[in-house]
Amino acid sequence: MIDRSIIGFSWGHWEVDIEVGRLRLLAKAMGETRPIYTDVAAARAAGYRSLIAPPTFAFCLLADSPVGSGYLADVGIPIAEVLHGEQHFTYHQLMCAGDRVRVTRQVADCYEKKGGALGFVVLESRITFAADDSLIATGRQVMVHRRRP
């Protein structure tokens, strides 16, 4: 049974400097060859501050949490029994190389299905610019605890 008292629990925030090399590596891994993702001069010529972060980069920022995968234990999910059920982001601004961002994550909800065999923990995240706290993206992640019989 999931302890509903975890709703509202937050891990505080962490800050990340978005680096050119990291964005290029992600673009390469994704097979992205458009210059706005790989060439700083081309990105600036196209009107961006620097290389732009691909949309999937927001998930990478969640992985930078100082607690690592420890957040699962904090909400009572053994890593051997976890499934990634859902992930989506809503974007408000672009992130670019050279930006410093602030990330927060908190438990928004939890519930069970199948007579408690499946527990669901809903996590919400916010990504803002560290300098002025203006919103870049919000996210929702659902982790599924598949209990062993």
N, C-alpha and C. Protein backbone atom coordinates (compact mmCIF):
# COMPACT_ATOMS: atom_id res chain seq x y z
N MET A 1 0.84 -1.18 0.00
CA MET A 1 0.00 0.00 0.00
C MET A 1 0.89 1.25 0.00
N ILE A 2 0.52 2.19 -0.83
CA ILE A 2 1.27 3.44 -0.92
C ILE A 2 0.81 4.37 0.19
N ASP A 3 1.77 4.96 0.86
CA ASP A 3 1.49 5.89 1.94
C ASP A 3 1.15 7.26 1.33
N ARG A 4 -0.10 7.64 1.36
CA ARG A 4 -0.54 8.90 0.74
C ARG A 4 0.05 10.14 1.41
N SER A 5 0.67 9.97 2.56
CA SER A 5 1.28 11.13 3.21
C SER A 5 2.47 11.67 2.42
N ILE A 6 2.92 10.92 1.40
CA ILE A 6 4.04 11.41 0.58
C ILE A 6 3.60 12.49 -0.41
N ILE A 7 2.29 12.65 -0.60
CA ILE A 7 1.81 13.68 -1.51
C ILE A 7 2.29 15.05 -1.01
N GLY A 8 2.91 15.79 -1.90
CA GLY A 8 3.47 17.09 -1.54
C GLY A 8 4.95 17.03 -1.20
N PHE A 9 5.49 15.82 -0.98
CA PHE A 9 6.91 15.69 -0.66
C PHE A 9 7.75 16.24 -1.82
N SER A 10 8.78 17.00 -1.49
CA SER A 10 9.65 17.59 -2.49
C SER A 10 11.10 17.32 -2.14
N TRP A 11 11.93 17.20 -3.15
CA TRP A 11 13.36 17.00 -2.95
C TRP A 11 14.10 18.33 -3.05
N GLY A 12 13.40 19.42 -2.92
CA GLY A 12 14.05 20.72 -3.05
C GLY A 12 14.38 20.99 -4.51
N HIS A 13 15.43 21.73 -4.76
CA HIS A 13 15.80 22.02 -6.14
C HIS A 13 17.28 21.75 -6.35
N TRP A 14 17.65 21.62 -7.59
CA TRP A 14 19.05 21.54 -7.98
C TRP A 14 19.22 22.38 -9.23
N GLU A 15 20.43 22.83 -9.45
CA GLU A 15 20.72 23.69 -10.61
C GLU A 15 21.71 23.00 -11.53
N VAL A 16 21.53 23.26 -12.82
CA VAL A 16 22.36 22.61 -13.84
C VAL A 16 22.77 23.66 -14.87
N ASP A 17 24.04 23.66 -15.22
CA ASP A 17 24.53 24.48 -16.33
C ASP A 17 24.41 23.64 -17.60
N ILE A 18 23.74 24.17 -18.59
CA ILE A 18 23.55 23.43 -19.84
C ILE A 18 24.79 23.65 -20.70
N GLU A 19 25.46 22.56 -20.99
CA GLU A 19 26.74 22.61 -21.68
C GLU A 19 26.62 22.22 -23.15
N VAL A 20 27.40 22.87 -23.99
CA VAL A 20 27.43 22.60 -25.42
C VAL A 20 27.71 21.12 -25.69
N GLY A 21 28.73 20.58 -25.05
CA GLY A 21 29.11 19.18 -25.30
C GLY A 21 28.00 18.20 -24.96
N ARG A 22 27.29 18.47 -23.91
CA ARG A 22 26.20 17.58 -23.52
C ARG A 22 25.06 17.62 -24.54
N LEU A 23 24.76 18.82 -25.05
CA LEU A 23 23.71 18.93 -26.06
C LEU A 23 24.13 18.27 -27.36
N ARG A 24 25.38 18.42 -27.74
CA ARG A 24 25.86 17.76 -28.96
C ARG A 24 25.81 16.24 -28.81
N LEU A 25 26.18 15.74 -27.65
CA LEU A 25 26.15 14.30 -27.41
C LEU A 25 24.73 13.76 -27.51
N LEU A 26 23.77 14.47 -26.93
CA LEU A 26 22.38 14.04 -27.02
C LEU A 26 21.90 14.08 -28.47
N ALA A 27 22.23 15.15 -29.19
CA ALA A 27 21.83 15.25 -30.60
C ALA A 27 22.40 14.08 -31.40
N LYS A 28 23.67 13.74 -31.16
CA LYS A 28 24.29 12.62 -31.85
C LYS A 28 23.58 11.32 -31.51
N ALA A 29 23.28 11.10 -30.23
CA ALA A 29 22.61 9.87 -29.80
C ALA A 29 21.22 9.74 -30.43
N MET A 30 20.58 10.88 -30.67
CA MET A 30 19.23 10.88 -31.26
C MET A 30 19.26 10.85 -32.79
N GLY A 31 20.44 11.01 -33.37
CA GLY A 31 20.53 11.08 -34.83
C GLY A 31 20.11 12.44 -35.37
N GLU A 32 20.12 13.44 -34.50
CA GLU A 32 19.71 14.80 -34.89
C GLU A 32 20.90 15.49 -35.55
N THR A 33 20.74 15.91 -36.80
CA THR A 33 21.84 16.53 -37.54
C THR A 33 21.60 17.99 -37.89
N ARG A 34 20.44 18.53 -37.56
CA ARG A 34 20.19 19.95 -37.88
C ARG A 34 21.19 20.82 -37.14
N PRO A 35 21.79 21.78 -37.82
CA PRO A 35 22.85 22.61 -37.23
C PRO A 35 22.44 23.37 -35.96
N ILE A 36 21.17 23.70 -35.78
CA ILE A 36 20.78 24.43 -34.56
C ILE A 36 20.99 23.58 -33.31
N TYR A 37 21.18 22.27 -33.49
CA TYR A 37 21.44 21.37 -32.36
C TYR A 37 22.91 20.99 -32.24
N THR A 38 23.71 21.31 -33.26
CA THR A 38 25.10 20.83 -33.27
C THR A 38 26.16 21.91 -33.48
N ASP A 39 25.78 23.07 -34.03
CA ASP A 39 26.75 24.10 -34.40
C ASP A 39 26.32 25.43 -33.78
N VAL A 40 27.13 25.93 -32.86
CA VAL A 40 26.79 27.16 -32.14
C VAL A 40 26.59 28.33 -33.11
N ALA A 41 27.50 28.49 -34.06
CA ALA A 41 27.39 29.62 -35.01
C ALA A 41 26.10 29.52 -35.82
N ALA A 42 25.74 28.32 -36.24
CA ALA A 42 24.51 28.14 -37.02
C ALA A 42 23.28 28.43 -36.16
N ALA A 43 23.31 28.02 -34.91
CA ALA A 43 22.18 28.29 -34.00
C ALA A 43 22.03 29.80 -33.79
N ARG A 44 23.14 30.50 -33.60
CA ARG A 44 23.07 31.96 -33.42
C ARG A 44 22.60 32.65 -34.70
N ALA A 45 23.06 32.17 -35.84
CA ALA A 45 22.63 32.74 -37.12
C ALA A 45 21.13 32.54 -37.33
N ALA A 46 20.58 31.49 -36.73
CA ALA A 46 19.14 31.22 -36.83
C ALA A 46 18.34 31.99 -35.78
N GLY A 47 19.04 32.80 -34.95
CA GLY A 47 18.35 33.64 -33.98
C GLY A 47 18.28 33.11 -32.56
N TYR A 48 18.97 32.03 -32.26
CA TYR A 48 18.98 31.46 -30.91
C TYR A 48 20.20 31.96 -30.13
N ARG A 49 20.13 31.88 -28.81
CA ARG A 49 21.24 32.31 -27.95
C ARG A 49 22.47 31.44 -28.15
N SER A 50 22.25 30.16 -28.40
CA SER A 50 23.31 29.17 -28.60
C SER A 50 22.63 27.91 -29.10
N LEU A 51 23.31 26.76 -28.99
CA LEU A 51 22.67 25.50 -29.36
C LEU A 51 21.37 25.36 -28.57
N ILE A 52 20.33 24.90 -29.21
CA ILE A 52 19.09 24.69 -28.47
C ILE A 52 19.04 23.26 -27.95
N ALA A 53 18.42 23.10 -26.80
CA ALA A 53 18.28 21.78 -26.19
C ALA A 53 17.11 21.05 -26.85
N PRO A 54 17.32 19.82 -27.30
CA PRO A 54 16.20 19.05 -27.83
C PRO A 54 15.13 18.84 -26.74
N PRO A 55 13.88 18.66 -27.14
CA PRO A 55 12.81 18.50 -26.14
C PRO A 55 13.07 17.40 -25.12
N THR A 56 13.72 16.32 -25.51
CA THR A 56 13.97 15.23 -24.57
C THR A 56 15.01 15.57 -23.51
N PHE A 57 15.69 16.70 -23.68
CA PHE A 57 16.72 17.09 -22.71
C PHE A 57 16.13 17.33 -21.32
N ALA A 58 14.87 17.72 -21.25
CA ALA A 58 14.24 17.95 -19.95
C ALA A 58 14.32 16.69 -19.08
N PHE A 59 14.17 15.52 -19.68
CA PHE A 59 14.27 14.27 -18.91
C PHE A 59 15.68 14.09 -18.38
N CYS A 60 16.69 14.48 -19.16
CA CYS A 60 18.08 14.39 -18.71
C CYS A 60 18.30 15.22 -17.45
N LEU A 61 17.64 16.37 -17.37
CA LEU A 61 17.78 17.23 -16.19
C LEU A 61 17.24 16.55 -14.94
N LEU A 62 16.18 15.76 -15.08
CA LEU A 62 15.65 15.02 -13.93
C LEU A 62 16.66 14.00 -13.44
N ALA A 63 17.42 13.43 -14.35
CA ALA A 63 18.44 12.45 -13.98
C ALA A 63 19.61 13.09 -13.24
N ASP A 64 19.72 14.42 -13.29
CA ASP A 64 20.79 15.12 -12.60
C ASP A 64 20.50 15.35 -11.11
N SER A 65 19.36 14.89 -10.65
CA SER A 65 18.98 15.09 -9.25
C SER A 65 20.07 14.57 -8.32
N PRO A 66 20.40 15.33 -7.29
CA PRO A 66 21.42 14.88 -6.34
C PRO A 66 21.06 13.57 -5.63
N VAL A 67 19.77 13.23 -5.58
CA VAL A 67 19.38 11.97 -4.92
C VAL A 67 19.41 10.80 -5.89
N GLY A 68 19.69 11.06 -7.18
CA GLY A 68 19.75 9.99 -8.16
C GLY A 68 18.46 9.20 -8.18
N SER A 69 18.56 7.88 -8.22
CA SER A 69 17.36 7.05 -8.20
C SER A 69 16.84 6.86 -6.77
N GLY A 70 17.47 7.51 -5.81
CA GLY A 70 17.03 7.43 -4.41
C GLY A 70 15.62 7.95 -4.20
N TYR A 71 15.12 8.75 -5.15
CA TYR A 71 13.75 9.24 -5.01
C TYR A 71 12.76 8.08 -4.99
N LEU A 72 13.09 6.98 -5.66
CA LEU A 72 12.19 5.82 -5.64
C LEU A 72 12.07 5.26 -4.23
N ALA A 73 13.17 5.10 -3.55
CA ALA A 73 13.14 4.61 -2.17
C ALA A 73 12.40 5.58 -1.27
N ASP A 74 12.56 6.88 -1.54
CA ASP A 74 11.88 7.89 -0.73
C ASP A 74 10.37 7.77 -0.81
N VAL A 75 9.86 7.28 -1.95
CA VAL A 75 8.40 7.13 -2.09
C VAL A 75 7.96 5.68 -1.89
N GLY A 76 8.89 4.82 -1.51
CA GLY A 76 8.53 3.45 -1.15
C GLY A 76 8.48 2.47 -2.31
N ILE A 77 9.20 2.75 -3.40
CA ILE A 77 9.21 1.84 -4.54
C ILE A 77 10.60 1.20 -4.67
N PRO A 78 10.70 -0.12 -4.45
CA PRO A 78 11.99 -0.80 -4.69
C PRO A 78 12.33 -0.74 -6.18
N ILE A 79 13.57 -0.43 -6.49
CA ILE A 79 13.97 -0.24 -7.89
C ILE A 79 13.71 -1.49 -8.73
N ALA A 80 13.76 -2.67 -8.12
CA ALA A 80 13.52 -3.91 -8.86
C ALA A 80 12.04 -4.09 -9.22
N GLU A 81 11.17 -3.26 -8.67
CA GLU A 81 9.73 -3.40 -8.91
C GLU A 81 9.11 -2.17 -9.56
N VAL A 82 9.93 -1.37 -10.23
CA VAL A 82 9.43 -0.12 -10.81
C VAL A 82 9.27 -0.23 -12.32
N LEU A 83 8.22 0.40 -12.81
CA LEU A 83 8.00 0.57 -14.23
C LEU A 83 7.80 2.06 -14.48
N HIS A 84 8.32 2.53 -15.60
CA HIS A 84 8.11 3.93 -15.98
C HIS A 84 6.81 3.98 -16.77
N GLY A 85 5.76 4.53 -16.17
CA GLY A 85 4.44 4.46 -16.77
C GLY A 85 4.11 5.57 -17.75
N GLU A 86 4.62 6.76 -17.49
CA GLU A 86 4.23 7.91 -18.32
C GLU A 86 5.22 9.04 -18.11
N GLN A 87 5.41 9.84 -19.13
CA GLN A 87 6.27 11.02 -19.02
C GLN A 87 5.83 12.03 -20.06
N HIS A 88 5.61 13.25 -19.66
CA HIS A 88 5.40 14.31 -20.65
C HIS A 88 5.82 15.65 -20.08
N PHE A 89 6.13 16.56 -20.99
CA PHE A 89 6.54 17.91 -20.61
C PHE A 89 5.71 18.92 -21.39
N THR A 90 5.48 20.06 -20.78
CA THR A 90 4.88 21.21 -21.43
C THR A 90 5.95 22.30 -21.44
N TYR A 91 6.26 22.80 -22.62
CA TYR A 91 7.34 23.77 -22.76
C TYR A 91 6.79 25.18 -22.90
N HIS A 92 7.48 26.12 -22.25
CA HIS A 92 7.09 27.53 -22.30
C HIS A 92 8.17 28.38 -22.96
N GLN A 93 9.43 27.93 -22.86
CA GLN A 93 10.57 28.63 -23.46
C GLN A 93 11.60 27.59 -23.86
N LEU A 94 12.53 27.99 -24.72
CA LEU A 94 13.63 27.11 -25.10
C LEU A 94 14.76 27.18 -24.09
N MET A 95 15.46 26.07 -23.95
CA MET A 95 16.71 26.04 -23.19
C MET A 95 17.84 26.01 -24.21
N CYS A 96 18.91 26.70 -23.89
CA CYS A 96 20.07 26.74 -24.79
C CYS A 96 21.34 26.49 -24.01
N ALA A 97 22.37 26.09 -24.72
CA ALA A 97 23.69 25.96 -24.10
C ALA A 97 24.06 27.29 -23.47
N GLY A 98 24.64 27.22 -22.29
CA GLY A 98 25.02 28.42 -21.56
C GLY A 98 24.00 28.83 -20.52
N ASP A 99 22.78 28.31 -20.61
CA ASP A 99 21.75 28.62 -19.61
C ASP A 99 22.03 27.86 -18.31
N ARG A 100 21.68 28.46 -17.22
CA ARG A 100 21.70 27.78 -15.92
C ARG A 100 20.24 27.63 -15.51
N VAL A 101 19.83 26.38 -15.25
CA VAL A 101 18.44 26.12 -14.94
C VAL A 101 18.29 25.53 -13.55
N ARG A 102 17.11 25.72 -13.00
CA ARG A 102 16.76 25.18 -11.68
C ARG A 102 15.65 24.16 -11.90
N VAL A 103 15.81 23.00 -11.26
CA VAL A 103 14.85 21.91 -11.41
C VAL A 103 14.28 21.55 -10.05
N THR A 104 12.96 21.37 -9.99
CA THR A 104 12.32 20.88 -8.77
C THR A 104 11.43 19.70 -9.13
N ARG A 105 11.25 18.79 -8.19
CA ARG A 105 10.38 17.63 -8.38
C ARG A 105 9.64 17.38 -7.07
N GLN A 106 8.34 17.09 -7.19
CA GLN A 106 7.57 16.77 -5.99
C GLN A 106 6.51 15.73 -6.32
N VAL A 107 6.04 15.06 -5.29
CA VAL A 107 4.98 14.07 -5.44
C VAL A 107 3.65 14.81 -5.53
N ALA A 108 2.93 14.60 -6.63
CA ALA A 108 1.64 15.27 -6.84
C ALA A 108 0.47 14.39 -6.45
N ASP A 109 0.62 13.08 -6.57
CA ASP A 109 -0.49 12.18 -6.26
C ASP A 109 0.04 10.76 -6.15
N CYS A 110 -0.74 9.89 -5.58
CA CYS A 110 -0.45 8.46 -5.57
C CYS A 110 -1.78 7.72 -5.43
N TYR A 111 -1.83 6.56 -6.04
CA TYR A 111 -3.05 5.77 -6.01
C TYR A 111 -2.71 4.33 -6.37
N GLU A 112 -3.68 3.45 -6.20
CA GLU A 112 -3.48 2.03 -6.49
C GLU A 112 -4.56 1.52 -7.44
N LYS A 113 -4.23 0.43 -8.11
CA LYS A 113 -5.18 -0.27 -8.98
C LYS A 113 -4.97 -1.76 -8.82
N LYS A 114 -5.90 -2.51 -9.36
CA LYS A 114 -5.84 -3.98 -9.31
C LYS A 114 -5.70 -4.48 -7.88
N GLY A 115 -6.53 -3.94 -7.00
CA GLY A 115 -6.54 -4.39 -5.61
C GLY A 115 -5.23 -4.18 -4.88
N GLY A 116 -4.47 -3.16 -5.28
CA GLY A 116 -3.20 -2.85 -4.63
C GLY A 116 -2.00 -3.52 -5.27
N ALA A 117 -2.23 -4.35 -6.31
CA ALA A 117 -1.11 -5.01 -6.99
C ALA A 117 -0.24 -3.99 -7.74
N LEU A 118 -0.85 -2.88 -8.14
CA LEU A 118 -0.12 -1.82 -8.82
C LEU A 118 -0.28 -0.51 -8.05
N GLY A 119 0.83 0.09 -7.69
CA GLY A 119 0.81 1.39 -7.04
C GLY A 119 1.37 2.43 -8.01
N PHE A 120 0.77 3.60 -8.03
CA PHE A 120 1.18 4.66 -8.96
C PHE A 120 1.60 5.89 -8.16
N VAL A 121 2.74 6.45 -8.50
CA VAL A 121 3.20 7.69 -7.88
C VAL A 121 3.37 8.71 -9.00
N VAL A 122 2.67 9.84 -8.88
CA VAL A 122 2.72 10.90 -9.87
C VAL A 122 3.68 11.98 -9.38
N LEU A 123 4.68 12.26 -10.19
CA LEU A 123 5.68 13.27 -9.86
C LEU A 123 5.52 14.44 -10.81
N GLU A 124 5.58 15.64 -10.28
CA GLU A 124 5.55 16.84 -11.11
C GLU A 124 6.87 17.56 -10.96
N SER A 125 7.34 18.12 -12.08
CA SER A 125 8.60 18.85 -12.06
C SER A 125 8.42 20.21 -12.70
N ARG A 126 9.31 21.11 -12.31
CA ARG A 126 9.36 22.46 -12.88
C ARG A 126 10.81 22.74 -13.24
N ILE A 127 10.99 23.30 -14.42
CA ILE A 127 12.31 23.73 -14.85
C ILE A 127 12.21 25.23 -15.11
N THR A 128 13.05 25.99 -14.44
CA THR A 128 13.04 27.45 -14.57
C THR A 128 14.46 27.94 -14.82
N PHE A 129 14.58 29.17 -15.29
CA PHE A 129 15.90 29.79 -15.37
C PHE A 129 16.33 30.15 -13.96
N ALA A 130 17.55 29.79 -13.60
CA ALA A 130 18.04 30.03 -12.24
C ALA A 130 18.11 31.53 -11.94
N ALA A 131 18.41 32.35 -12.93
CA ALA A 131 18.61 33.78 -12.71
C ALA A 131 17.33 34.51 -12.30
N ASP A 132 16.21 34.17 -12.93
CA ASP A 132 14.99 34.93 -12.64
C ASP A 132 13.77 34.06 -12.34
N ASP A 133 13.96 32.76 -12.28
CA ASP A 133 12.91 31.80 -11.96
C ASP A 133 11.77 31.78 -12.98
N SER A 134 12.02 32.31 -14.19
CA SER A 134 10.96 32.25 -15.21
C SER A 134 10.84 30.82 -15.72
N LEU A 135 9.62 30.44 -16.00
CA LEU A 135 9.29 29.05 -16.32
C LEU A 135 9.75 28.64 -17.71
N ILE A 136 10.44 27.51 -17.77
CA ILE A 136 10.86 26.92 -19.04
C ILE A 136 9.93 25.75 -19.38
N ALA A 137 9.73 24.85 -18.42
CA ALA A 137 8.91 23.66 -18.69
C ALA A 137 8.33 23.11 -17.40
N THR A 138 7.21 22.43 -17.54
CA THR A 138 6.65 21.65 -16.44
C THR A 138 6.55 20.22 -16.94
N GLY A 139 6.63 19.29 -16.02
CA GLY A 139 6.59 17.89 -16.41
C GLY A 139 5.75 17.05 -15.47
N ARG A 140 5.33 15.92 -15.98
CA ARG A 140 4.57 14.94 -15.19
C ARG A 140 5.15 13.57 -15.51
N GLN A 141 5.43 12.82 -14.47
CA GLN A 141 6.01 11.50 -14.59
C GLN A 141 5.21 10.56 -13.70
N VAL A 142 4.83 9.42 -14.22
CA VAL A 142 4.12 8.43 -13.42
C VAL A 142 4.99 7.19 -13.29
N MET A 143 5.30 6.85 -12.07
CA MET A 143 6.08 5.65 -11.78
C MET A 143 5.11 4.58 -11.26
N VAL A 144 5.27 3.37 -11.73
CA VAL A 144 4.39 2.27 -11.36
C VAL A 144 5.16 1.28 -10.51
N HIS A 145 4.60 0.97 -9.35
CA HIS A 145 5.18 -0.03 -8.46
C HIS A 145 4.40 -1.32 -8.70
N ARG A 146 5.04 -2.25 -9.36
CA ARG A 146 4.43 -3.56 -9.63
C ARG A 146 4.86 -4.49 -8.52
N ARG A 147 3.98 -4.70 -7.58
CA ARG A 147 4.33 -5.50 -6.40
C ARG A 147 4.46 -6.97 -6.77
N ARG A 148 5.48 -7.57 -6.23
CA ARG A 148 5.68 -9.00 -6.44
C ARG A 148 4.69 -9.78 -5.59
N PRO A 149 4.16 -10.89 -6.14
CA PRO A 149 3.18 -11.67 -5.36
C PRO A 149 3.81 -12.36 -4.16
